[in-house]
């Protein structure tokens, strides 16, 4: 059982009251936080095997990436500057049809390297060949919430649902609980009501939640209203889908009634500002959702529509986008953006009692950010610096589930060069 202490570190706990502890210490025992507090707060009988000097560092919860398609790192830069449906139909789906299991494995490992190096400790993924994605997550040391993507109108829709059942039976709670699972119907426009009924039946049987794209574009809104007579959110509520724990990605085009439904049904929303901007999907009314009590976290979406998995960049964009869309510089203050990337994301995934804050008893998912950088002086406001000034390269150390995964910018669980070489090999075949 690992015993770690981090000393002389400024701590952003992300607990109530925006607490910042100056030159404090964090004790870790096994996979959990034992104590967080001022110097000397660790239990007297605590004997750590590893001691970390946190001088000039800020400790905070690891970032929670609420929505991505990890193996789409293989498609980074492949299909840029296109509208969503043209991007999907003409570029993404045809190339994805050529992908094999090993492509997903190496693409997910590449995503894990990128996420770890930018401070993400938990990610929610929806894609194909999820056994390989799960193995990659296990090897990397990351915490992951995984869903096999399901397209009801596809010829293999029924087969994919059976694959999802098998995947969930094998990986729910794997790696000591680091891996959890969901069902992943792609969207209301690719999954008709009869198919979603089958997904809900599986959710009931397996005791898992549902991860779905929802209200992403005006085209989706128009088509769902035309086909079913209700807006996308109201359509899913009518089907009873929100009776199950639901993670809804995007929710860009939602009105006040939609927001009320999301809040009352405890739906977690994954806000993906950079992907929404790049695909010109629109600006999600995040301020309204938060005010109504909707659980909102941040996601990067896949690297083919972003084009990175950098949650620090996503935070900054989320804050600035709300300010300019409301013409109000007080909209989305730094702490709120930071909260969405940590505790808010944990809440959206149903992991609020495990991660997202630095508090005794929670899982030890902690990052150390090196503040001894020119762009982080002077230190008037640590929260503001984290959102508006820090870079992903400032993340120095990553601890997940009580284990050191990266230290001094060196990943300890994966061989980066091996991953790069295999990604190149996969791309050569896919593009051949």
Protein backbone atom coordinates (compact mmCIF):
# COMPACT_ATOMS: atom_id res chain seq x y z
CA UNK A 1 0.00 0.00 0.00
CA UNK A 2 1.53 3.30 -1.11
CA UNK A 3 2.23 5.95 1.51
CA UNK A 4 3.02 9.40 0.06
CA UNK A 5 3.34 12.83 1.58
CA UNK A 6 3.47 16.11 -0.34
CA UNK A 7 4.93 18.93 1.73
CA UNK A 8 5.33 22.70 1.44
CA UNK A 9 2.72 22.98 -1.30
CA UNK A 10 -0.05 25.50 -1.97
CA UNK A 11 -3.30 23.54 -2.13
CA UNK A 12 -6.44 24.27 -4.15
CA UNK A 13 -8.85 21.91 -2.41
CA UNK A 14 -11.91 22.70 -4.60
CA UNK A 15 -14.04 22.18 -1.51
CA UNK A 16 -16.73 24.58 -0.38
CA UNK A 17 -15.53 28.11 0.28
CA UNK A 18 -12.78 28.20 -2.37
CA UNK A 19 -10.27 27.16 0.27
CA UNK A 20 -6.57 27.63 -0.54
CA UNK A 21 -4.03 26.29 1.94
CA UNK A 22 -0.63 27.96 1.74
CA UNK A 23 2.48 25.79 2.19
CA UNK A 24 0.38 22.89 3.40
CA UNK A 25 0.72 19.14 3.14
CA UNK A 26 -1.22 16.18 1.79
CA UNK A 27 -0.89 12.65 3.14
CA UNK A 28 -1.87 9.69 0.94
CA UNK A 29 -2.41 6.16 2.20
CA UNK A 30 -3.22 3.47 -0.32
CA UNK A 31 -5.49 4.93 -2.99
CA UNK A 32 -7.07 7.55 -0.73
CA UNK A 33 -6.27 10.94 0.71
CA UNK A 34 -5.52 10.54 4.42
CA UNK A 35 -5.31 14.23 5.30
CA UNK A 36 -5.15 17.68 3.73
CA UNK A 37 -4.10 20.68 5.75
CA UNK A 38 -1.46 23.03 7.03
CA UNK A 39 2.11 22.02 7.81
CA UNK A 40 2.19 19.28 10.42
CA UNK A 41 -1.42 18.20 9.82
CA UNK A 42 -0.57 14.64 8.78
CA UNK A 43 -1.16 12.02 11.52
CA UNK A 44 1.80 11.65 13.87
CA UNK A 45 2.18 7.95 13.19
CA UNK A 46 2.15 8.38 9.40
CA UNK A 47 5.33 6.95 7.85
CA UNK A 48 5.43 7.76 4.13
CA UNK A 49 7.54 5.72 1.74
CA UNK A 50 7.64 8.63 -0.72
CA UNK A 51 8.16 12.27 0.18
CA UNK A 52 7.53 14.99 -2.42
CA UNK A 53 8.73 18.56 -1.99
CA UNK A 54 5.94 20.79 -3.32
CA UNK A 55 7.90 24.06 -3.17
CA UNK A 56 6.69 26.46 -5.87
CA UNK A 57 3.95 23.96 -6.75
CA UNK A 58 0.18 24.12 -6.54
CA UNK A 59 -1.65 20.89 -5.70
CA UNK A 60 -5.19 20.44 -6.94
CA UNK A 61 -7.56 17.65 -7.96
CA UNK A 62 -6.79 16.07 -11.32
CA UNK A 63 -8.94 17.28 -14.21
CA UNK A 64 -12.04 15.30 -15.18
CA UNK A 65 -12.57 15.17 -18.94
CA UNK A 66 -16.31 14.46 -19.13
CA UNK A 67 -16.55 13.66 -22.83
CA UNK A 68 -14.05 12.48 -25.38
CA UNK A 69 -13.43 9.84 -28.02
CA UNK A 70 -9.90 8.97 -26.98
CA UNK A 71 -8.75 6.99 -30.03
CA UNK A 72 -9.74 9.85 -32.32
CA UNK A 73 -6.24 11.11 -31.64
CA UNK A 74 -5.55 9.07 -34.80
CA UNK A 75 -7.74 11.53 -36.75
CA UNK A 76 -6.18 14.70 -35.38
CA UNK A 77 -5.79 17.17 -38.24
CA UNK A 78 -7.42 14.80 -40.74
CA UNK A 79 -10.76 16.53 -41.36
CA UNK A 80 -10.63 20.14 -40.23
CA UNK A 81 -12.84 23.13 -41.02
CA UNK A 82 -16.01 21.24 -41.98
CA UNK A 83 -19.62 21.35 -40.70
CA UNK A 84 -20.52 18.55 -38.27
CA UNK A 85 -22.63 16.33 -40.54
CA UNK A 86 -20.29 16.70 -43.52
CA UNK A 87 -17.37 16.05 -41.18
CA UNK A 88 -19.04 12.89 -39.85
CA UNK A 89 -20.59 11.47 -43.03
CA UNK A 90 -17.86 12.22 -45.56
CA UNK A 91 -14.67 12.02 -43.53
CA UNK A 92 -14.86 10.55 -40.03
CA UNK A 93 -17.25 7.61 -40.33
CA UNK A 94 -15.68 6.24 -43.55
CA UNK A 95 -12.20 6.20 -42.00
CA UNK A 96 -13.47 4.82 -38.70
CA UNK A 97 -14.99 1.93 -40.65
CA UNK A 98 -11.43 0.88 -41.55
CA UNK A 99 -10.19 0.89 -37.96
CA UNK A 100 -9.19 -2.32 -36.22
CA UNK A 101 -8.88 -3.16 -32.56
CA UNK A 102 -5.16 -2.38 -32.47
CA UNK A 103 -5.83 1.11 -33.85
CA UNK A 104 -8.13 1.84 -30.93
CA UNK A 105 -5.58 0.47 -28.47
CA UNK A 106 -2.70 2.63 -29.70
CA UNK A 107 -4.90 5.69 -30.32
CA UNK A 108 -6.23 5.47 -26.76
CA UNK A 109 -2.71 5.07 -25.34
CA UNK A 110 -1.70 8.20 -27.26
CA UNK A 111 -4.69 10.01 -25.73
CA UNK A 112 -3.70 8.81 -22.26
CA UNK A 113 -0.19 10.21 -22.69
CA UNK A 114 -1.61 13.55 -23.78
CA UNK A 115 -4.17 13.66 -20.97
CA UNK A 116 -1.74 12.68 -18.22
CA UNK A 117 0.80 15.27 -19.38
CA UNK A 118 -1.89 17.97 -19.22
CA UNK A 119 -3.22 16.97 -15.80
CA UNK A 120 -6.28 14.90 -16.61
CA UNK A 121 -6.77 11.96 -14.26
CA UNK A 122 -10.31 10.83 -15.23
CA UNK A 123 -11.90 10.67 -18.67
CA UNK A 124 -15.28 9.59 -20.06
CA UNK A 125 -14.90 7.88 -23.43
CA UNK A 126 -17.35 6.67 -26.06
CA UNK A 127 -16.00 4.74 -29.04
CA UNK A 128 -15.65 1.28 -30.66
CA UNK A 129 -13.44 -1.68 -29.64
CA UNK A 130 -13.78 -0.59 -26.03
CA UNK A 131 -11.99 -3.64 -24.66
CA UNK A 132 -8.82 -2.22 -26.18
CA UNK A 133 -9.60 1.27 -24.83
CA UNK A 134 -10.11 -0.24 -21.39
CA UNK A 135 -6.81 -2.12 -21.54
CA UNK A 136 -5.05 1.10 -22.54
CA UNK A 137 -6.64 2.96 -19.61
CA UNK A 138 -5.68 0.18 -17.21
CA UNK A 139 -2.04 0.22 -18.38
CA UNK A 140 -1.81 4.01 -18.22
CA UNK A 141 -3.03 4.15 -14.62
CA UNK A 142 -5.87 6.53 -15.49
CA UNK A 143 -9.41 6.51 -14.16
CA UNK A 144 -11.95 6.04 -16.96
CA UNK A 145 -15.70 5.86 -17.53
CA UNK A 146 -16.08 3.89 -20.76
CA UNK A 147 -18.98 3.32 -23.14
CA UNK A 148 -19.05 1.32 -26.34
CA UNK A 149 -20.57 3.67 -28.94
CA UNK A 150 -23.93 2.48 -30.32
CA UNK A 151 -25.57 3.57 -33.56
CA UNK A 152 -29.06 2.17 -33.73
CA UNK A 153 -29.57 2.74 -37.46
CA UNK A 154 -26.32 0.97 -38.36
CA UNK A 155 -26.47 -2.61 -39.70
CA UNK A 156 -24.56 -3.80 -36.62
CA UNK A 157 -26.73 -1.94 -34.09
CA UNK A 158 -28.03 -5.09 -32.37
CA UNK A 159 -24.59 -6.71 -32.42
CA UNK A 160 -23.02 -3.57 -30.94
CA UNK A 161 -25.50 -3.61 -28.05
CA UNK A 162 -24.58 -7.23 -27.28
CA UNK A 163 -20.90 -6.29 -27.45
CA UNK A 164 -21.64 -3.49 -24.99
CA UNK A 165 -23.30 -5.91 -22.58
CA UNK A 166 -20.26 -8.19 -22.73
CA UNK A 167 -17.88 -5.26 -22.30
CA UNK A 168 -19.72 -4.02 -19.22
CA UNK A 169 -19.74 -7.49 -17.65
CA UNK A 170 -15.97 -7.73 -18.08
CA UNK A 171 -14.82 -4.23 -17.16
CA UNK A 172 -17.27 -2.71 -14.69
CA UNK A 173 -15.12 -2.05 -11.61
CA UNK A 174 -11.89 -3.25 -13.23
CA UNK A 175 -8.43 -2.15 -12.08
CA UNK A 176 -9.53 -1.85 -8.47
CA UNK A 177 -12.48 0.35 -9.45
CA UNK A 178 -10.56 2.74 -11.72
CA UNK A 179 -12.60 1.54 -14.71
CA UNK A 180 -16.37 1.97 -14.72
CA UNK A 181 -18.76 1.59 -17.63
CA UNK A 182 -21.84 3.07 -19.27
CA UNK A 183 -24.00 2.38 -22.31
CA UNK A 184 -23.24 4.72 -25.21
CA UNK A 185 -26.09 5.36 -27.66
CA UNK A 186 -24.62 7.93 -30.03
CA UNK A 187 -27.47 10.44 -30.33
CA UNK A 188 -31.26 10.72 -30.79
CA UNK A 189 -30.81 11.09 -34.55
CA UNK A 190 -28.84 7.84 -34.89
CA UNK A 191 -30.75 5.84 -32.28
CA UNK A 192 -34.53 5.54 -32.90
CA UNK A 193 -36.94 5.11 -29.99
CA UNK A 194 -37.19 1.32 -30.32
CA UNK A 195 -33.41 1.04 -30.12
CA UNK A 196 -33.22 3.38 -27.14
CA UNK A 197 -35.85 1.17 -25.43
CA UNK A 198 -33.42 -1.73 -25.77
CA UNK A 199 -30.57 0.42 -24.42
CA UNK A 200 -32.71 1.38 -21.43
CA UNK A 201 -33.54 -2.29 -20.86
CA UNK A 202 -29.82 -3.07 -20.78
CA UNK A 203 -29.18 -0.16 -18.41
CA UNK A 204 -31.84 -1.53 -16.06
CA UNK A 205 -30.45 -5.04 -16.23
CA UNK A 206 -26.79 -4.08 -15.85
CA UNK A 207 -27.20 -1.24 -13.36
CA UNK A 208 -25.23 1.31 -15.39
CA UNK A 209 -25.86 4.78 -16.78
CA UNK A 210 -26.12 6.17 -20.30
CA UNK A 211 -23.69 8.48 -22.16
CA UNK A 212 -25.27 10.21 -25.19
CA UNK A 213 -24.70 13.21 -27.48
CA UNK A 214 -27.66 15.55 -27.09
CA UNK A 215 -28.89 18.85 -28.57
CA UNK A 216 -25.54 19.47 -30.25
CA UNK A 217 -26.63 21.29 -33.43
CA UNK A 218 -29.54 23.24 -34.88
CA UNK A 219 -29.83 20.54 -37.55
CA UNK A 220 -30.37 17.92 -34.86
CA UNK A 221 -32.98 20.09 -33.15
CA UNK A 222 -34.86 20.69 -36.40
CA UNK A 223 -34.80 17.04 -37.46
CA UNK A 224 -35.87 15.65 -34.08
CA UNK A 225 -38.75 18.15 -33.82
CA UNK A 226 -39.85 17.25 -37.36
CA UNK A 227 -39.65 13.51 -36.71
CA UNK A 228 -40.98 13.25 -33.16
CA UNK A 229 -42.74 16.56 -32.48
CA UNK A 230 -40.52 17.42 -29.53
CA UNK A 231 -37.13 19.00 -28.94
CA UNK A 232 -34.25 16.52 -28.33
CA UNK A 233 -34.19 16.86 -24.51
CA UNK A 234 -37.97 16.59 -24.25
CA UNK A 235 -37.94 13.65 -26.67
CA UNK A 236 -35.54 11.67 -24.46
CA UNK A 237 -37.48 12.60 -21.32
CA UNK A 238 -40.65 11.30 -22.95
CA UNK A 239 -38.96 8.00 -23.72
CA UNK A 240 -37.93 7.64 -20.08
CA UNK A 241 -34.20 7.71 -20.76
CA UNK A 242 -33.54 10.13 -17.91
CA UNK A 243 -34.83 7.54 -15.45
CA UNK A 244 -31.29 6.20 -15.71
CA UNK A 245 -28.12 8.08 -14.72
CA UNK A 246 -27.39 10.10 -17.85
CA UNK A 247 -24.34 11.96 -19.14
CA UNK A 248 -25.42 14.27 -21.97
CA UNK A 249 -22.65 15.63 -24.17
CA UNK A 250 -22.94 19.17 -25.59
CA UNK A 251 -26.50 20.42 -24.80
CA UNK A 252 -25.81 23.50 -26.91
CA UNK A 253 -29.36 24.10 -28.15
CA UNK A 254 -31.49 23.91 -25.02
CA UNK A 255 -34.26 26.27 -23.93
CA UNK A 256 -35.54 27.04 -20.43
CA UNK A 257 -37.86 24.03 -20.40
CA UNK A 258 -35.02 21.74 -21.51
CA UNK A 259 -32.83 23.11 -18.73
CA UNK A 260 -35.57 22.50 -16.17
CA UNK A 261 -35.84 18.90 -17.35
CA UNK A 262 -32.07 18.37 -17.16
CA UNK A 263 -31.95 19.78 -13.63
CA UNK A 264 -34.97 17.88 -12.32
CA UNK A 265 -33.67 14.59 -13.73
CA UNK A 266 -30.15 15.07 -12.38
CA UNK A 267 -28.67 14.76 -15.88
CA UNK A 268 -24.93 15.44 -16.06
CA UNK A 269 -23.93 17.74 -18.91
CA UNK A 270 -20.52 17.64 -20.59
CA UNK A 271 -19.77 21.12 -21.96
CA UNK A 272 -17.30 21.01 -24.88
CA UNK A 273 -16.66 24.66 -25.78
CA UNK A 274 -13.70 24.27 -28.15
CA UNK A 275 -15.26 21.47 -30.20
CA UNK A 276 -18.55 23.39 -30.35
CA UNK A 277 -16.68 26.46 -31.57
CA UNK A 278 -14.60 24.59 -34.15
CA UNK A 279 -17.64 22.83 -35.62
CA UNK A 280 -19.68 26.06 -35.32
CA UNK A 281 -22.34 24.18 -33.34
CA UNK A 282 -23.09 27.18 -31.14
CA UNK A 283 -22.60 28.36 -27.55
CA UNK A 284 -24.18 26.33 -24.76
CA UNK A 285 -26.10 28.40 -22.15
CA UNK A 286 -23.84 27.22 -19.35
CA UNK A 287 -24.68 30.11 -17.02
CA UNK A 288 -28.38 29.28 -17.21
CA UNK A 289 -27.74 25.58 -16.65
CA UNK A 290 -25.58 26.19 -13.61
CA UNK A 291 -28.08 28.66 -12.16
CA UNK A 292 -30.83 26.06 -12.55
CA UNK A 293 -28.76 23.45 -10.70
CA UNK A 294 -27.69 21.34 -13.67
CA UNK A 295 -24.50 19.37 -13.04
CA UNK A 296 -22.08 20.69 -15.68
CA UNK A 297 -18.57 19.42 -16.32
CA UNK A 298 -16.05 20.11 -19.04
CA UNK A 299 -15.00 17.87 -21.91
CA UNK A 300 -12.62 18.19 -24.82
CA UNK A 301 -14.54 15.96 -27.24
CA UNK A 302 -12.28 13.99 -29.59
CA UNK A 303 -8.95 15.24 -30.89
CA UNK A 304 -10.35 15.36 -34.43
CA UNK A 305 -12.73 18.18 -33.53
CA UNK A 306 -10.71 20.16 -31.02
CA UNK A 307 -7.71 19.28 -31.82
CA UNK A 308 -6.22 18.49 -28.43
CA UNK A 309 -7.20 16.98 -25.08
CA UNK A 310 -5.92 19.89 -23.00
CA UNK A 311 -8.29 20.64 -20.12
CA UNK A 312 -6.37 23.76 -19.07
CA UNK A 313 -7.05 25.22 -22.49
CA UNK A 314 -10.67 24.05 -22.30
CA UNK A 315 -11.15 25.87 -18.98
CA UNK A 316 -9.81 29.12 -20.33
CA UNK A 317 -11.97 28.87 -23.44
CA UNK A 318 -15.07 28.02 -21.39
CA UNK A 319 -14.62 31.10 -19.24
CA UNK A 320 -13.86 33.50 -22.09
CA UNK A 321 -16.66 32.18 -24.29
CA UNK A 322 -19.31 32.77 -21.63
CA UNK A 323 -17.98 36.29 -21.02
CA UNK A 324 -18.15 37.30 -24.66
CA UNK A 325 -21.49 35.58 -25.31
CA UNK A 326 -23.06 37.44 -22.38
CA UNK A 327 -21.09 40.64 -23.01
CA UNK A 328 -20.29 40.45 -19.30
CA UNK A 329 -16.73 40.08 -17.91
CA UNK A 330 -18.15 38.72 -14.64
CA UNK A 331 -19.75 35.74 -16.38
CA UNK A 332 -17.98 32.44 -15.65
CA UNK A 333 -15.37 33.56 -13.11
CA UNK A 334 -12.13 31.61 -12.92
CA UNK A 335 -13.12 29.53 -9.90
CA UNK A 336 -16.32 28.37 -11.59
CA UNK A 337 -14.39 27.23 -14.67
CA UNK A 338 -11.92 25.42 -12.41
CA UNK A 339 -14.82 23.83 -10.56
CA UNK A 340 -16.39 22.54 -13.78
CA UNK A 341 -13.06 20.94 -14.72
CA UNK A 342 -12.77 19.11 -11.38
CA UNK A 343 -15.61 18.74 -8.86
CA UNK A 344 -18.29 19.62 -11.42
CA UNK A 345 -17.00 17.01 -13.84
CA UNK A 346 -16.92 14.42 -11.08
CA UNK A 347 -20.55 15.25 -10.30
CA UNK A 348 -21.59 14.98 -13.95
CA UNK A 349 -20.07 11.47 -14.04
CA UNK A 350 -21.59 10.44 -10.71
CA UNK A 351 -18.14 10.29 -9.10
CA UNK A 352 -18.57 13.21 -6.68
CA UNK A 353 -17.97 10.93 -3.68
CA UNK A 354 -14.70 9.67 -5.15
CA UNK A 355 -12.80 12.41 -6.99
CA UNK A 356 -12.84 16.09 -7.94
CA UNK A 357 -11.82 17.58 -4.59
CA UNK A 358 -8.90 17.26 -2.20
CA UNK A 359 -10.49 15.97 0.96
CA UNK A 360 -9.71 13.17 3.41
CA UNK A 361 -11.42 9.96 2.38
CA UNK A 362 -11.62 10.71 -1.35
CA UNK A 363 -9.50 8.95 -3.94
CA UNK A 364 -5.97 10.34 -4.29
CA UNK A 365 -6.21 11.81 -7.80
CA UNK A 366 -3.90 14.81 -7.46
CA UNK A 367 -1.81 16.95 -9.79
CA UNK A 368 1.06 19.29 -8.97
CA UNK A 369 1.43 22.34 -11.20
CA UNK A 370 4.82 24.08 -11.32
CA UNK A 371 4.21 27.77 -10.61
CA UNK A 372 7.90 28.68 -10.88
CA UNK A 373 7.31 30.00 -14.40
CA UNK A 374 7.48 33.56 -15.77
CA UNK A 375 3.85 33.52 -16.87
CA UNK A 376 2.77 32.61 -13.32
CA UNK A 377 4.46 35.53 -11.52
CA UNK A 378 3.39 37.52 -9.54
CA UNK A 379 0.91 35.29 -7.71
CA UNK A 380 -1.97 37.62 -7.02
CA UNK A 381 -4.62 34.96 -7.57
CA UNK A 382 -3.80 31.25 -7.86
CA UNK A 383 -7.25 30.34 -9.21
CA UNK A 384 -7.09 33.00 -11.91
CA UNK A 385 -3.56 31.95 -12.86
CA UNK A 386 -4.64 28.32 -13.19
CA UNK A 387 -7.44 29.22 -15.60
CA UNK A 388 -6.05 32.18 -17.53
CA UNK A 389 -2.25 31.79 -17.41
CA UNK A 390 -1.14 28.19 -16.79
CA UNK A 391 -0.11 25.88 -19.63
CA UNK A 392 -0.45 22.12 -19.84
CA UNK A 393 3.36 21.89 -19.80
CA UNK A 394 3.30 23.35 -16.28
CA UNK A 395 1.82 20.10 -14.94
CA UNK A 396 4.76 18.45 -13.18
CA UNK A 397 3.39 15.48 -11.22
CA UNK A 398 0.28 13.32 -11.54
CA UNK A 399 -0.99 10.91 -8.90
CA UNK A 400 -3.97 8.67 -9.71
CA UNK A 401 -5.57 6.30 -7.24
CA UNK A 402 -2.63 6.90 -4.92
CA UNK A 403 0.00 5.89 -7.50
CA UNK A 404 2.61 8.15 -9.09
CA UNK A 405 1.79 8.15 -12.81
CA UNK A 406 3.99 11.12 -13.81
CA UNK A 407 6.81 12.84 -11.94
CA UNK A 408 9.01 15.68 -13.17
CA UNK A 409 7.10 15.51 -16.50
CA UNK A 410 8.13 11.87 -17.05
CA UNK A 411 5.31 9.37 -17.43
CA UNK A 412 6.08 6.31 -15.32
CA UNK A 413 3.46 3.91 -16.67
CA UNK A 414 3.87 4.13 -20.45
CA UNK A 415 6.60 4.18 -23.09
CA UNK A 416 5.89 7.30 -25.13
CA UNK A 417 8.26 6.48 -28.00
CA UNK A 418 6.77 3.02 -28.46
CA UNK A 419 3.31 4.57 -28.62
CA UNK A 420 4.37 7.18 -31.18
CA UNK A 421 5.93 4.52 -33.42
CA UNK A 422 2.85 2.31 -33.31
CA UNK A 423 0.52 5.23 -33.98
CA UNK A 424 2.57 6.05 -37.10
CA UNK A 425 2.30 2.41 -38.18
CA UNK A 426 -1.50 2.41 -37.70
CA UNK A 427 -1.91 5.63 -39.67
CA UNK A 428 0.21 4.32 -42.54
CA UNK A 429 -2.16 1.37 -42.89
CA UNK A 430 -5.36 3.43 -42.48
CA UNK A 431 -4.30 5.95 -45.10
CA UNK A 432 -2.85 3.37 -47.47
